[in-house]
């Protein structure tokens, strides 16, 4: 593996240089760099054209938060009354209610987290005219932690890709402050995939 390329990627990850500068340096170091590697760095700085309505998706957190909060409150009151009436005994109804209560708390917390999370919107337009739309919040911070943990364990070939993926995720985390990012993939069969991140 080319040590200069790895150094450029590490500088990008530590934000010493911008993604555009990294792409220029990688292009200058190796004109035969794989198209996918340069595309990953370039995609980090490509503003989205006609992105989904981000404000609408970011407002969706209210519904699961409200429903989860109400269910958590009702199950909490139910558990409280069960514990008071059980006189210290563990009953089957008490054992069965706890997982429901914990699940409702998790739904409420995830809904609140999705308010600030980075959203990924995948739009697929197949050649036959069929369209598929998927939108969901993505745990970008968790992805960065996983990549950072996996990097020392990876081989030399995989390490470069992990550094690039980490740099891309750092750019994605900064995306809410800027224009949303877009990755555009056109298949040879005529299918089109657009991924909006922001």
C-alpha atoms as a PDB file:
ATOM      1  CA  UNK A   1       0.000   0.000   0.000  1.00  0.00           C
ATOM      2  CA  UNK A   2       1.222   3.474  -0.847  1.00  0.00           C
ATOM      3  CA  UNK A   3       2.269   5.228   2.374  1.00  0.00           C
ATOM      4  CA  UNK A   4       1.733   8.681   0.862  1.00  0.00           C
ATOM      5  CA  UNK A   5      -1.878   7.863   0.066  1.00  0.00           C
ATOM      6  CA  UNK A   6      -2.461   6.591   3.597  1.00  0.00           C
ATOM      7  CA  UNK A   7      -0.919   9.798   4.994  1.00  0.00           C
ATOM      8  CA  UNK A   8      -3.256  11.935   2.854  1.00  0.00           C
ATOM      9  CA  UNK A   9      -6.242   9.945   4.099  1.00  0.00           C
ATOM     10  CA  UNK A  10      -5.138  10.292   7.712  1.00  0.00           C
ATOM     11  CA  UNK A  11      -4.772  14.056   7.208  1.00  0.00           C
ATOM     12  CA  UNK A  12      -8.296  14.127   5.794  1.00  0.00           C
ATOM     13  CA  UNK A  13      -9.628  12.138   8.731  1.00  0.00           C
ATOM     14  CA  UNK A  14      -8.000  14.490  11.233  1.00  0.00           C
ATOM     15  CA  UNK A  15      -9.398  17.463   9.250  1.00  0.00           C
ATOM     16  CA  UNK A  16      -5.979  18.923   8.491  1.00  0.00           C
ATOM     17  CA  UNK A  17      -7.044  19.130   4.840  1.00  0.00           C
ATOM     18  CA  UNK A  18     -10.444  19.315   3.165  1.00  0.00           C
ATOM     19  CA  UNK A  19     -12.004  16.529   1.123  1.00  0.00           C
ATOM     20  CA  UNK A  20     -11.367  18.499  -2.085  1.00  0.00           C
ATOM     21  CA  UNK A  21      -7.670  18.894  -1.237  1.00  0.00           C
ATOM     22  CA  UNK A  22      -7.441  15.192  -0.403  1.00  0.00           C
ATOM     23  CA  UNK A  23      -9.012  14.285  -3.744  1.00  0.00           C
ATOM     24  CA  UNK A  24      -6.512  16.526  -5.549  1.00  0.00           C
ATOM     25  CA  UNK A  25      -3.576  15.020  -3.656  1.00  0.00           C
ATOM     26  CA  UNK A  26      -4.752  11.456  -4.255  1.00  0.00           C
ATOM     27  CA  UNK A  27      -5.188  12.200  -7.940  1.00  0.00           C
ATOM     28  CA  UNK A  28      -1.686  13.681  -8.129  1.00  0.00           C
ATOM     29  CA  UNK A  29      -0.127  10.731  -6.267  1.00  0.00           C
ATOM     30  CA  UNK A  30      -1.699   8.099  -8.452  1.00  0.00           C
ATOM     31  CA  UNK A  31      -3.374   8.712 -11.780  1.00  0.00           C
ATOM     32  CA  UNK A  32      -4.373   5.073 -11.835  1.00  0.00           C
ATOM     33  CA  UNK A  33      -6.340   5.274  -8.550  1.00  0.00           C
ATOM     34  CA  UNK A  34      -9.505   3.258  -8.588  1.00  0.00           C
ATOM     35  CA  UNK A  35     -12.568   5.244  -9.612  1.00  0.00           C
ATOM     36  CA  UNK A  36     -14.541   4.069  -6.592  1.00  0.00           C
ATOM     37  CA  UNK A  37     -11.949   5.390  -4.115  1.00  0.00           C
ATOM     38  CA  UNK A  38     -11.863   8.855  -5.653  1.00  0.00           C
ATOM     39  CA  UNK A  39     -15.646   8.824  -5.951  1.00  0.00           C
ATOM     40  CA  UNK A  40     -15.960   8.213  -2.220  1.00  0.00           C
ATOM     41  CA  UNK A  41     -13.858  11.259  -1.384  1.00  0.00           C
ATOM     42  CA  UNK A  42     -15.554  13.388  -4.051  1.00  0.00           C
ATOM     43  CA  UNK A  43     -19.033  12.342  -2.888  1.00  0.00           C
ATOM     44  CA  UNK A  44     -18.301  13.860   0.497  1.00  0.00           C
ATOM     45  CA  UNK A  45     -18.273  17.341  -1.007  1.00  0.00           C
ATOM     46  CA  UNK A  46     -21.024  17.056  -3.605  1.00  0.00           C
ATOM     47  CA  UNK A  47     -24.086  19.100  -2.598  1.00  0.00           C
ATOM     48  CA  UNK A  48     -27.402  17.399  -3.208  1.00  0.00           C
ATOM     49  CA  UNK A  49     -29.570  18.412  -6.139  1.00  0.00           C
ATOM     50  CA  UNK A  50     -33.321  18.307  -5.415  1.00  0.00           C
ATOM     51  CA  UNK A  51     -33.010  16.599  -2.021  1.00  0.00           C
ATOM     52  CA  UNK A  52     -35.991  15.242  -0.074  1.00  0.00           C
ATOM     53  CA  UNK A  53     -37.796  17.563   2.328  1.00  0.00           C
ATOM     54  CA  UNK A  54     -35.424  17.232   5.280  1.00  0.00           C
ATOM     55  CA  UNK A  55     -37.539  19.372   7.605  1.00  0.00           C
ATOM     56  CA  UNK A  56     -40.528  17.075   7.144  1.00  0.00           C
ATOM     57  CA  UNK A  57     -38.487  13.957   7.913  1.00  0.00           C
ATOM     58  CA  UNK A  58     -36.829  15.582  10.909  1.00  0.00           C
ATOM     59  CA  UNK A  59     -40.301  16.386  12.273  1.00  0.00           C
ATOM     60  CA  UNK A  60     -41.367  12.731  12.230  1.00  0.00           C
ATOM     61  CA  UNK A  61     -39.727  12.108  15.604  1.00  0.00           C
ATOM     62  CA  UNK A  62     -42.693  13.698  17.365  1.00  0.00           C
ATOM     63  CA  UNK A  63     -45.118  10.830  16.684  1.00  0.00           C
ATOM     64  CA  UNK A  64     -43.081   7.891  18.029  1.00  0.00           C
ATOM     65  CA  UNK A  65     -41.865  10.106  20.882  1.00  0.00           C
ATOM     66  CA  UNK A  66     -45.434  10.987  21.921  1.00  0.00           C
ATOM     67  CA  UNK A  67     -46.739   7.437  21.520  1.00  0.00           C
ATOM     68  CA  UNK A  68     -43.718   5.927  23.289  1.00  0.00           C
ATOM     69  CA  UNK A  69     -43.989   8.485  26.083  1.00  0.00           C
ATOM     70  CA  UNK A  70     -47.690   7.768  26.660  1.00  0.00           C
ATOM     71  CA  UNK A  71     -47.126   3.987  26.642  1.00  0.00           C
ATOM     72  CA  UNK A  72     -44.145   4.392  28.996  1.00  0.00           C
ATOM     73  CA  UNK A  73     -46.259   6.452  31.398  1.00  0.00           C
ATOM     74  CA  UNK A  74     -49.157   3.963  31.340  1.00  0.00           C
ATOM     75  CA  UNK A  75     -46.879   0.945  31.788  1.00  0.00           C
ATOM     76  CA  UNK A  76     -45.008   2.759  34.565  1.00  0.00           C
ATOM     77  CA  UNK A  77     -48.278   3.363  36.424  1.00  0.00           C
ATOM     78  CA  UNK A  78     -49.289  -0.268  35.855  1.00  0.00           C
ATOM     79  CA  UNK A  79     -45.949  -1.525  37.180  1.00  0.00           C
ATOM     80  CA  UNK A  80     -46.211   0.751  40.199  1.00  0.00           C
ATOM     81  CA  UNK A  81     -49.650  -0.604  41.092  1.00  0.00           C
ATOM     82  CA  UNK A  82     -48.478  -4.203  40.526  1.00  0.00           C
ATOM     83  CA  UNK A  83     -45.464  -3.746  42.777  1.00  0.00           C
ATOM     84  CA  UNK A  84     -47.593  -2.191  45.532  1.00  0.00           C
ATOM     85  CA  UNK A  85     -50.213  -4.954  45.381  1.00  0.00           C
ATOM     86  CA  UNK A  86     -47.681  -7.814  45.130  1.00  0.00           C
ATOM     87  CA  UNK A  87     -46.286  -7.203  48.647  1.00  0.00           C
ATOM     88  CA  UNK A  88     -42.727  -8.023  47.596  1.00  0.00           C
ATOM     89  CA  UNK A  89     -43.615 -11.147  45.600  1.00  0.00           C
ATOM     90  CA  UNK A  90     -42.640 -11.531  41.978  1.00  0.00           C
ATOM     91  CA  UNK A  91     -45.683 -12.389  39.882  1.00  0.00           C
ATOM     92  CA  UNK A  92     -45.946 -13.550  36.285  1.00  0.00           C
ATOM     93  CA  UNK A  93     -47.735 -10.362  35.257  1.00  0.00           C
ATOM     94  CA  UNK A  94     -44.943  -8.289  36.765  1.00  0.00           C
ATOM     95  CA  UNK A  95     -42.298 -10.306  34.886  1.00  0.00           C
ATOM     96  CA  UNK A  96     -44.201  -9.912  31.604  1.00  0.00           C
ATOM     97  CA  UNK A  97     -44.774  -6.175  32.012  1.00  0.00           C
ATOM     98  CA  UNK A  98     -41.115  -5.191  32.555  1.00  0.00           C
ATOM     99  CA  UNK A  99     -39.935  -5.996  28.988  1.00  0.00           C
ATOM    100  CA  UNK A 100     -42.846  -3.970  27.586  1.00  0.00           C
ATOM    101  CA  UNK A 101     -41.900  -1.029  29.787  1.00  0.00           C
ATOM    102  CA  UNK A 102     -38.216  -1.225  28.755  1.00  0.00           C
ATOM    103  CA  UNK A 103     -39.264  -1.462  25.073  1.00  0.00           C
ATOM    104  CA  UNK A 104     -41.453   1.625  25.388  1.00  0.00           C
ATOM    105  CA  UNK A 105     -38.583   3.556  27.022  1.00  0.00           C
ATOM    106  CA  UNK A 106     -36.247   2.521  24.178  1.00  0.00           C
ATOM    107  CA  UNK A 107     -38.760   3.616  21.515  1.00  0.00           C
ATOM    108  CA  UNK A 108     -39.104   6.984  23.242  1.00  0.00           C
ATOM    109  CA  UNK A 109     -35.325   7.436  23.455  1.00  0.00           C
ATOM    110  CA  UNK A 110     -34.781   6.400  19.816  1.00  0.00           C
ATOM    111  CA  UNK A 111     -37.458   8.834  18.677  1.00  0.00           C
ATOM    112  CA  UNK A 112     -35.764  11.633  20.574  1.00  0.00           C
ATOM    113  CA  UNK A 113     -32.361  10.633  19.128  1.00  0.00           C
ATOM    114  CA  UNK A 114     -33.746  10.678  15.567  1.00  0.00           C
ATOM    115  CA  UNK A 115     -34.524  14.379  15.996  1.00  0.00           C
ATOM    116  CA  UNK A 116     -30.800  15.198  15.784  1.00  0.00           C
ATOM    117  CA  UNK A 117     -29.611  12.191  13.808  1.00  0.00           C
ATOM    118  CA  UNK A 118     -28.256  12.290  10.287  1.00  0.00           C
ATOM    119  CA  UNK A 119     -30.870  10.969   7.875  1.00  0.00           C
ATOM    120  CA  UNK A 120     -30.159   8.760   4.891  1.00  0.00           C
ATOM    121  CA  UNK A 121     -32.642   8.880   2.021  1.00  0.00           C
ATOM    122  CA  UNK A 122     -32.306   6.262  -0.696  1.00  0.00           C
ATOM    123  CA  UNK A 123     -34.223   6.827  -3.936  1.00  0.00           C
ATOM    124  CA  UNK A 124     -34.149   4.063  -6.542  1.00  0.00           C
ATOM    125  CA  UNK A 125     -35.629   4.461  -9.997  1.00  0.00           C
ATOM    126  CA  UNK A 126     -35.576   1.230 -11.961  1.00  0.00           C
ATOM    127  CA  UNK A 127     -35.474   1.035 -15.729  1.00  0.00           C
ATOM    128  CA  UNK A 128     -39.068  -0.262 -15.878  1.00  0.00           C
ATOM    129  CA  UNK A 129     -40.334   2.866 -14.077  1.00  0.00           C
ATOM    130  CA  UNK A 130     -40.740   1.353 -10.632  1.00  0.00           C
ATOM    131  CA  UNK A 131     -39.591   3.627  -7.786  1.00  0.00           C
ATOM    132  CA  UNK A 132     -38.440   2.747  -4.298  1.00  0.00           C
ATOM    133  CA  UNK A 133     -37.966   5.319  -1.519  1.00  0.00           C
ATOM    134  CA  UNK A 134     -36.371   4.569   1.846  1.00  0.00           C
ATOM    135  CA  UNK A 135     -35.657   7.166   4.546  1.00  0.00           C
ATOM    136  CA  UNK A 136     -34.212   6.436   7.965  1.00  0.00           C
ATOM    137  CA  UNK A 137     -31.967   7.996  10.602  1.00  0.00           C
ATOM    138  CA  UNK A 138     -28.427   6.631  10.578  1.00  0.00           C
ATOM    139  CA  UNK A 139     -26.118   6.172  13.583  1.00  0.00           C
ATOM    140  CA  UNK A 140     -23.144   7.926  11.978  1.00  0.00           C
ATOM    141  CA  UNK A 141     -21.303   8.408  15.274  1.00  0.00           C
ATOM    142  CA  UNK A 142     -21.559   4.688  16.029  1.00  0.00           C
ATOM    143  CA  UNK A 143     -20.238   3.935  12.545  1.00  0.00           C
ATOM    144  CA  UNK A 144     -17.186   6.113  13.204  1.00  0.00           C
ATOM    145  CA  UNK A 145     -16.495   4.262  16.462  1.00  0.00           C
ATOM    146  CA  UNK A 146     -16.761   0.882  14.726  1.00  0.00           C
ATOM    147  CA  UNK A 147     -14.401   1.973  11.940  1.00  0.00           C
ATOM    148  CA  UNK A 148     -11.889   3.395  14.415  1.00  0.00           C
ATOM    149  CA  UNK A 149     -11.975   0.146  16.394  1.00  0.00           C
ATOM    150  CA  UNK A 150     -11.641  -2.038  13.288  1.00  0.00           C
ATOM    151  CA  UNK A 151      -8.742  -0.104  11.741  1.00  0.00           C
ATOM    152  CA  UNK A 152      -5.925  -1.594  13.904  1.00  0.00           C
ATOM    153  CA  UNK A 153      -7.285  -5.098  13.285  1.00  0.00           C
ATOM    154  CA  UNK A 154      -7.539  -4.717   9.504  1.00  0.00           C
ATOM    155  CA  UNK A 155      -4.970  -5.741   6.922  1.00  0.00           C
ATOM    156  CA  UNK A 156      -3.005  -3.205   4.894  1.00  0.00           C
ATOM    157  CA  UNK A 157      -5.451  -3.270   1.960  1.00  0.00           C
ATOM    158  CA  UNK A 158      -8.532  -2.842   4.115  1.00  0.00           C
ATOM    159  CA  UNK A 159      -6.961  -0.144   6.301  1.00  0.00           C
ATOM    160  CA  UNK A 160      -6.976   2.383   3.450  1.00  0.00           C
ATOM    161  CA  UNK A 161     -10.672   1.764   2.798  1.00  0.00           C
ATOM    162  CA  UNK A 162     -11.495   2.089   6.494  1.00  0.00           C
ATOM    163  CA  UNK A 163      -9.659   5.428   6.662  1.00  0.00           C
ATOM    164  CA  UNK A 164     -11.603   6.673   3.625  1.00  0.00           C
ATOM    165  CA  UNK A 165     -14.901   5.497   5.102  1.00  0.00           C
ATOM    166  CA  UNK A 166     -14.057   7.236   8.389  1.00  0.00           C
ATOM    167  CA  UNK A 167     -13.276  10.470   6.542  1.00  0.00           C
ATOM    168  CA  UNK A 168     -16.547  10.186   4.661  1.00  0.00           C
ATOM    169  CA  UNK A 169     -18.510   9.710   7.899  1.00  0.00           C
ATOM    170  CA  UNK A 170     -16.828  12.799   9.385  1.00  0.00           C
ATOM    171  CA  UNK A 171     -17.958  14.792   6.363  1.00  0.00           C
ATOM    172  CA  UNK A 172     -21.467  13.382   6.795  1.00  0.00           C
ATOM    173  CA  UNK A 173     -21.579  14.454  10.444  1.00  0.00           C
ATOM    174  CA  UNK A 174     -20.752  18.000   9.372  1.00  0.00           C
ATOM    175  CA  UNK A 175     -23.476  17.881   6.694  1.00  0.00           C
ATOM    176  CA  UNK A 176     -26.293  19.392   8.840  1.00  0.00           C
ATOM    177  CA  UNK A 177     -24.270  22.622   8.939  1.00  0.00           C
ATOM    178  CA  UNK A 178     -24.006  22.672   5.145  1.00  0.00           C
ATOM    179  CA  UNK A 179     -25.830  21.498   2.075  1.00  0.00           C
ATOM    180  CA  UNK A 180     -26.989  17.865   2.145  1.00  0.00           C
ATOM    181  CA  UNK A 181     -24.687  15.406   0.382  1.00  0.00           C
ATOM    182  CA  UNK A 182     -25.706  13.256  -2.569  1.00  0.00           C
ATOM    183  CA  UNK A 183     -24.268  10.079  -4.046  1.00  0.00           C
ATOM    184  CA  UNK A 184     -25.528   9.365  -7.558  1.00  0.00           C
ATOM    185  CA  UNK A 185     -25.115   5.872  -9.023  1.00  0.00           C
ATOM    186  CA  UNK A 186     -26.189   5.046 -12.566  1.00  0.00           C
ATOM    187  CA  UNK A 187     -26.278   1.359 -13.402  1.00  0.00           C
ATOM    188  CA  UNK A 188     -25.417   0.037 -16.873  1.00  0.00           C
ATOM    189  CA  UNK A 189     -28.908  -1.494 -16.996  1.00  0.00           C
ATOM    190  CA  UNK A 190     -30.536   1.939 -16.762  1.00  0.00           C
ATOM    191  CA  UNK A 191     -31.379   1.830 -13.051  1.00  0.00           C
ATOM    192  CA  UNK A 192     -30.635   4.977 -11.042  1.00  0.00           C
ATOM    193  CA  UNK A 193     -29.839   5.133  -7.320  1.00  0.00           C
ATOM    194  CA  UNK A 194     -29.556   8.414  -5.431  1.00  0.00           C
ATOM    195  CA  UNK A 195     -28.517   8.537  -1.799  1.00  0.00           C
ATOM    196  CA  UNK A 196     -29.087  11.817   0.057  1.00  0.00           C
ATOM    197  CA  UNK A 197     -27.309  12.291   3.370  1.00  0.00           C
ATOM    198  CA  UNK A 198     -27.959  15.166   5.721  1.00  0.00           C
END
